[in-house]
Amino acid sequence: MLKMFSTQLTGLFGRVQANEEFAMEDAARLLAQAVAGEGKIYIKGFAEMESVELEATKGQEPMRGASTIDMYEDITEADRVLVVSRFSNDAGAIILAKKLVRRGISFVAISGGVKQRVEGEEDLRDLADVHVDTKLLKGMLPGELGDRFGFPGSMAALFAYHGMKFVFDEILTEYFEEEEL
């Protein structure tokens, strides 16, 4: 079972890398604008996606300029926000996204882009300045009754986050080296 799960994870990570590379680069550029300027990066993970929030703020290699959202009112137009949710139609993430859009605050979203859109339903892909799709919408392993299990949502989001952060770190290293000259 673990071997099959590992194979499926490798495939998932490969799809994210192949299909979301440009989105991760765009996301990194957008977030780096805050640190290169006068802003901060605020991160909000919904449900199990708090793991990305924790990785970015308290992990071994925290994201430069990142913090959690304590007071929504403290976020300014100079800041950038990273919103992470299981699916692109997550109700809590949509509420936050709409508030950010109303205030003109640029943000990146990481989530699984739902395939079946309900007419009139809002989606992070439409609201975010940049959306990185985790490509994960259902469990990875087949169950005996036709169901699926083994949903590595946090792992997929962390993979996308790290892909984005590598570029983010490169951008800021170059920026601050040039600034010192």
C-alpha atoms as a PDB file:
ATOM      1  CA  MET A   1       0.000   0.000   0.000  1.00  0.00           C
ATOM      2  CA  LEU A   2       2.772   2.453   0.916  1.00  0.00           C
ATOM      3  CA  LYS A   3       4.624   1.724  -2.323  1.00  0.00           C
ATOM      4  CA  MET A   4       1.484   2.500  -4.320  1.00  0.00           C
ATOM      5  CA  PHE A   5       0.939   5.711  -2.310  1.00  0.00           C
ATOM      6  CA  SER A   6       4.553   6.730  -2.891  1.00  0.00           C
ATOM      7  CA  THR A   7       4.180   6.145  -6.635  1.00  0.00           C
ATOM      8  CA  GLN A   8       1.001   8.229  -6.708  1.00  0.00           C
ATOM      9  CA  LEU A   9       2.701  11.043  -4.753  1.00  0.00           C
ATOM     10  CA  THR A  10       5.605  11.070  -7.190  1.00  0.00           C
ATOM     11  CA  GLY A  11       3.126  11.410 -10.040  1.00  0.00           C
ATOM     12  CA  LEU A  12       1.245  14.201  -8.266  1.00  0.00           C
ATOM     13  CA  PHE A  13       4.424  16.156  -7.571  1.00  0.00           C
ATOM     14  CA  GLY A  14       5.463  15.688 -11.200  1.00  0.00           C
ATOM     15  CA  ARG A  15       2.128  17.106 -12.430  1.00  0.00           C
ATOM     16  CA  VAL A  16       2.400  20.107 -10.115  1.00  0.00           C
ATOM     17  CA  GLN A  17       5.969  20.740 -11.235  1.00  0.00           C
ATOM     18  CA  ALA A  18       5.144  20.407 -14.935  1.00  0.00           C
ATOM     19  CA  ASN A  19       1.888  22.357 -14.959  1.00  0.00           C
ATOM     20  CA  GLU A  20       2.342  24.943 -12.212  1.00  0.00           C
ATOM     21  CA  GLU A  21       5.980  25.989 -12.632  1.00  0.00           C
ATOM     22  CA  PHE A  22       5.102  29.365 -14.172  1.00  0.00           C
ATOM     23  CA  ALA A  23       2.377  30.006 -11.596  1.00  0.00           C
ATOM     24  CA  MET A  24       4.866  29.270  -8.794  1.00  0.00           C
ATOM     25  CA  GLU A  25       7.334  31.724 -10.356  1.00  0.00           C
ATOM     26  CA  ASP A  26       4.636  34.398 -10.707  1.00  0.00           C
ATOM     27  CA  ALA A  27       3.559  33.769  -7.115  1.00  0.00           C
ATOM     28  CA  ALA A  28       7.140  34.145  -5.897  1.00  0.00           C
ATOM     29  CA  ARG A  29       7.523  37.447  -7.758  1.00  0.00           C
ATOM     30  CA  LEU A  30       4.276  38.811  -6.351  1.00  0.00           C
ATOM     31  CA  LEU A  31       5.158  37.882  -2.771  1.00  0.00           C
ATOM     32  CA  ALA A  32       8.725  39.181  -3.130  1.00  0.00           C
ATOM     33  CA  GLN A  33       7.336  42.627  -3.994  1.00  0.00           C
ATOM     34  CA  ALA A  34       6.206  43.032  -0.397  1.00  0.00           C
ATOM     35  CA  VAL A  35       9.598  42.222   1.108  1.00  0.00           C
ATOM     36  CA  ALA A  36      11.501  44.300  -1.449  1.00  0.00           C
ATOM     37  CA  GLY A  37       9.182  47.206  -0.664  1.00  0.00           C
ATOM     38  CA  GLU A  38       7.566  48.407   2.529  1.00  0.00           C
ATOM     39  CA  GLY A  39       5.243  45.462   3.059  1.00  0.00           C
ATOM     40  CA  LYS A  40       4.912  42.129   4.780  1.00  0.00           C
ATOM     41  CA  ILE A  41       3.678  38.740   3.669  1.00  0.00           C
ATOM     42  CA  TYR A  42       0.700  37.402   5.556  1.00  0.00           C
ATOM     43  CA  ILE A  43      -0.175  33.729   5.358  1.00  0.00           C
ATOM     44  CA  LYS A  44      -3.502  32.083   6.072  1.00  0.00           C
ATOM     45  CA  GLY A  45      -3.976  28.334   5.819  1.00  0.00           C
ATOM     46  CA  PHE A  46      -7.455  26.876   6.215  1.00  0.00           C
ATOM     47  CA  ALA A  47      -8.001  23.582   8.070  1.00  0.00           C
ATOM     48  CA  GLU A  48      -5.062  21.208   7.489  1.00  0.00           C
ATOM     49  CA  MET A  49      -3.402  23.852   5.327  1.00  0.00           C
ATOM     50  CA  GLU A  50      -2.316  25.601   8.506  1.00  0.00           C
ATOM     51  CA  SER A  51       0.707  23.344   7.965  1.00  0.00           C
ATOM     52  CA  VAL A  52       1.883  25.741   5.236  1.00  0.00           C
ATOM     53  CA  GLU A  53       1.317  28.685   7.563  1.00  0.00           C
ATOM     54  CA  LEU A  54       3.442  26.984  10.227  1.00  0.00           C
ATOM     55  CA  GLU A  55       6.165  25.982   7.767  1.00  0.00           C
ATOM     56  CA  ALA A  56       6.417  29.538   6.438  1.00  0.00           C
ATOM     57  CA  THR A  57       6.535  31.216   9.850  1.00  0.00           C
ATOM     58  CA  LYS A  58       8.013  28.710  12.290  1.00  0.00           C
ATOM     59  CA  GLY A  59       9.723  26.093  10.112  1.00  0.00           C
ATOM     60  CA  GLN A  60      13.438  25.390   9.811  1.00  0.00           C
ATOM     61  CA  GLU A  61      13.676  27.857   6.907  1.00  0.00           C
ATOM     62  CA  PRO A  62      10.947  30.466   7.465  1.00  0.00           C
ATOM     63  CA  MET A  63       9.864  32.682   4.610  1.00  0.00           C
ATOM     64  CA  ARG A  64      11.468  36.099   4.849  1.00  0.00           C
ATOM     65  CA  GLY A  65       8.923  38.728   5.916  1.00  0.00           C
ATOM     66  CA  ALA A  66       6.137  36.209   6.592  1.00  0.00           C
ATOM     67  CA  SER A  67       3.716  36.232   9.487  1.00  0.00           C
ATOM     68  CA  THR A  68       0.245  34.968  10.255  1.00  0.00           C
ATOM     69  CA  ILE A  69      -2.806  37.191  10.045  1.00  0.00           C
ATOM     70  CA  ASP A  70      -3.579  38.433  13.541  1.00  0.00           C
ATOM     71  CA  MET A  71      -5.673  41.439  12.609  1.00  0.00           C
ATOM     72  CA  TYR A  72      -7.073  41.567   9.092  1.00  0.00           C
ATOM     73  CA  GLU A  73      -7.307  45.342   9.428  1.00  0.00           C
ATOM     74  CA  ASP A  74      -3.497  45.589   9.730  1.00  0.00           C
ATOM     75  CA  ILE A  75      -2.983  44.383   6.145  1.00  0.00           C
ATOM     76  CA  THR A  76      -2.172  47.222   3.734  1.00  0.00           C
ATOM     77  CA  GLU A  77      -1.844  47.535  -0.043  1.00  0.00           C
ATOM     78  CA  ALA A  78       1.943  47.270   0.369  1.00  0.00           C
ATOM     79  CA  ASP A  79       1.491  43.789   1.837  1.00  0.00           C
ATOM     80  CA  ARG A  80       0.889  40.498   0.052  1.00  0.00           C
ATOM     81  CA  VAL A  81      -1.121  37.521   1.282  1.00  0.00           C
ATOM     82  CA  LEU A  82      -0.756  33.791   0.681  1.00  0.00           C
ATOM     83  CA  VAL A  83      -4.076  31.942   1.067  1.00  0.00           C
ATOM     84  CA  VAL A  84      -3.939  28.135   1.213  1.00  0.00           C
ATOM     85  CA  SER A  85      -6.970  25.839   1.183  1.00  0.00           C
ATOM     86  CA  ARG A  86      -7.848  22.266   0.281  1.00  0.00           C
ATOM     87  CA  PHE A  87     -10.045  23.262  -2.655  1.00  0.00           C
ATOM     88  CA  SER A  88     -10.415  26.426  -4.709  1.00  0.00           C
ATOM     89  CA  ASN A  89     -14.036  26.850  -3.603  1.00  0.00           C
ATOM     90  CA  ASP A  90     -13.334  26.719   0.162  1.00  0.00           C
ATOM     91  CA  ALA A  91     -15.880  29.020   1.833  1.00  0.00           C
ATOM     92  CA  GLY A  92     -13.475  30.528   4.386  1.00  0.00           C
ATOM     93  CA  ALA A  93     -10.800  31.148   1.784  1.00  0.00           C
ATOM     94  CA  ILE A  94     -13.359  32.785  -0.527  1.00  0.00           C
ATOM     95  CA  ILE A  95     -14.510  35.138   2.249  1.00  0.00           C
ATOM     96  CA  LEU A  96     -10.920  36.229   2.913  1.00  0.00           C
ATOM     97  CA  ALA A  97     -10.177  36.510  -0.820  1.00  0.00           C
ATOM     98  CA  LYS A  98     -13.178  38.776  -1.400  1.00  0.00           C
ATOM     99  CA  LYS A  99     -12.093  41.050   1.461  1.00  0.00           C
ATOM    100  CA  LEU A 100      -8.602  41.271  -0.025  1.00  0.00           C
ATOM    101  CA  VAL A 101      -9.947  42.044  -3.497  1.00  0.00           C
ATOM    102  CA  ARG A 102     -12.241  44.773  -2.101  1.00  0.00           C
ATOM    103  CA  ARG A 103      -9.262  46.425  -0.399  1.00  0.00           C
ATOM    104  CA  GLY A 104      -6.964  46.113  -3.412  1.00  0.00           C
ATOM    105  CA  ILE A 105      -4.531  43.766  -1.664  1.00  0.00           C
ATOM    106  CA  SER A 106      -2.691  41.395  -3.997  1.00  0.00           C
ATOM    107  CA  PHE A 107      -2.644  37.741  -3.029  1.00  0.00           C
ATOM    108  CA  VAL A 108      -1.579  34.277  -4.069  1.00  0.00           C
ATOM    109  CA  ALA A 109      -3.714  31.178  -3.529  1.00  0.00           C
ATOM    110  CA  ILE A 110      -2.635  27.555  -3.342  1.00  0.00           C
ATOM    111  CA  SER A 111      -5.454  25.012  -3.598  1.00  0.00           C
ATOM    112  CA  GLY A 112      -6.849  22.126  -5.568  1.00  0.00           C
ATOM    113  CA  GLY A 113      -8.770  23.632  -8.484  1.00  0.00           C
ATOM    114  CA  VAL A 114     -12.220  22.057  -8.434  1.00  0.00           C
ATOM    115  CA  LYS A 115     -13.352  20.625 -11.755  1.00  0.00           C
ATOM    116  CA  GLN A 116     -17.125  20.864 -11.312  1.00  0.00           C
ATOM    117  CA  ARG A 117     -17.901  24.550 -10.930  1.00  0.00           C
ATOM    118  CA  VAL A 118     -21.355  25.496  -9.749  1.00  0.00           C
ATOM    119  CA  GLU A 119     -22.720  28.444 -11.706  1.00  0.00           C
ATOM    120  CA  GLY A 120     -22.414  31.617  -9.645  1.00  0.00           C
ATOM    121  CA  GLU A 121     -20.043  29.991  -7.141  1.00  0.00           C
ATOM    122  CA  GLU A 122     -16.895  32.003  -6.559  1.00  0.00           C
ATOM    123  CA  ASP A 123     -13.504  30.389  -6.909  1.00  0.00           C
ATOM    124  CA  LEU A 124     -10.005  31.306  -5.769  1.00  0.00           C
ATOM    125  CA  ARG A 125      -8.760  30.884  -9.334  1.00  0.00           C
ATOM    126  CA  ASP A 126     -10.891  33.876 -10.333  1.00  0.00           C
ATOM    127  CA  LEU A 127     -10.140  36.024  -7.287  1.00  0.00           C
ATOM    128  CA  ALA A 128      -6.403  35.509  -6.713  1.00  0.00           C
ATOM    129  CA  ASP A 129      -3.737  37.435  -8.580  1.00  0.00           C
ATOM    130  CA  VAL A 130      -1.933  34.105  -8.941  1.00  0.00           C
ATOM    131  CA  HIS A 131      -3.311  30.623  -8.268  1.00  0.00           C
ATOM    132  CA  VAL A 132      -1.127  27.539  -7.843  1.00  0.00           C
ATOM    133  CA  ASP A 133      -3.121  24.341  -8.329  1.00  0.00           C
ATOM    134  CA  THR A 134      -2.153  21.387  -6.129  1.00  0.00           C
ATOM    135  CA  LYS A 135      -3.844  19.065  -8.666  1.00  0.00           C
ATOM    136  CA  LEU A 136      -5.327  17.125  -5.747  1.00  0.00           C
ATOM    137  CA  LEU A 137      -9.085  16.641  -5.673  1.00  0.00           C
ATOM    138  CA  LYS A 138      -9.580  13.114  -4.329  1.00  0.00           C
ATOM    139  CA  GLY A 139      -7.784  10.370  -2.457  1.00  0.00           C
ATOM    140  CA  MET A 140      -4.890   8.753  -4.259  1.00  0.00           C
ATOM    141  CA  LEU A 141      -5.589   5.096  -3.561  1.00  0.00           C
ATOM    142  CA  PRO A 142      -8.580   3.031  -4.689  1.00  0.00           C
ATOM    143  CA  GLY A 143     -10.727   1.479  -1.987  1.00  0.00           C
ATOM    144  CA  GLU A 144     -12.431  -1.889  -2.247  1.00  0.00           C
ATOM    145  CA  LEU A 145     -15.857  -0.304  -2.714  1.00  0.00           C
ATOM    146  CA  GLY A 146     -14.836   2.049  -5.504  1.00  0.00           C
ATOM    147  CA  ASP A 147     -14.082   4.895  -3.129  1.00  0.00           C
ATOM    148  CA  ARG A 148     -10.701   6.604  -2.800  1.00  0.00           C
ATOM    149  CA  PHE A 149      -8.566   7.321   0.246  1.00  0.00           C
ATOM    150  CA  GLY A 150      -5.133   8.700   1.105  1.00  0.00           C
ATOM    151  CA  PHE A 151      -5.665  12.442   0.539  1.00  0.00           C
ATOM    152  CA  PRO A 152      -2.270  14.139   1.066  1.00  0.00           C
ATOM    153  CA  GLY A 153      -3.578  17.708   0.930  1.00  0.00           C
ATOM    154  CA  SER A 154      -0.932  19.212   3.188  1.00  0.00           C
ATOM    155  CA  MET A 155       1.851  17.415   1.345  1.00  0.00           C
ATOM    156  CA  ALA A 156       0.667  18.732  -2.020  1.00  0.00           C
ATOM    157  CA  ALA A 157       0.324  22.283  -0.694  1.00  0.00           C
ATOM    158  CA  LEU A 158       3.736  22.142   0.982  1.00  0.00           C
ATOM    159  CA  PHE A 159       5.286  20.894  -2.260  1.00  0.00           C
ATOM    160  CA  ALA A 160       3.783  23.852  -4.146  1.00  0.00           C
ATOM    161  CA  TYR A 161       4.812  26.230  -1.348  1.00  0.00           C
ATOM    162  CA  HIS A 162       8.426  25.029  -1.434  1.00  0.00           C
ATOM    163  CA  GLY A 163       8.554  25.249  -5.228  1.00  0.00           C
ATOM    164  CA  MET A 164       7.390  28.840  -4.943  1.00  0.00           C
ATOM    165  CA  LYS A 165       9.683  29.636  -2.023  1.00  0.00           C
ATOM    166  CA  PHE A 166      12.830  28.484  -3.840  1.00  0.00           C
ATOM    167  CA  VAL A 167      12.163  31.094  -6.532  1.00  0.00           C
ATOM    168  CA  PHE A 168      11.149  33.672  -3.897  1.00  0.00           C
ATOM    169  CA  ASP A 169      14.474  33.199  -2.091  1.00  0.00           C
ATOM    170  CA  GLU A 170      16.421  33.514  -5.371  1.00  0.00           C
ATOM    171  CA  ILE A 171      14.632  36.754  -6.249  1.00  0.00           C
ATOM    172  CA  LEU A 172      15.298  38.321  -2.864  1.00  0.00           C
ATOM    173  CA  THR A 173      18.926  37.189  -2.782  1.00  0.00           C
ATOM    174  CA  GLU A 174      19.517  38.873  -6.148  1.00  0.00           C
ATOM    175  CA  TYR A 175      17.563  41.972  -5.116  1.00  0.00           C
ATOM    176  CA  PHE A 176      19.430  42.524  -1.869  1.00  0.00           C
ATOM    177  CA  GLU A 177      22.823  41.789  -3.489  1.00  0.00           C
ATOM    178  CA  GLU A 178      22.119  44.458  -6.112  1.00  0.00           C
ATOM    179  CA  GLU A 179      20.939  46.868  -3.434  1.00  0.00           C
ATOM    180  CA  GLU A 180      24.261  46.500  -1.590  1.00  0.00           C
ATOM    181  CA  LEU A 181      26.244  47.492  -4.708  1.00  0.00           C
END
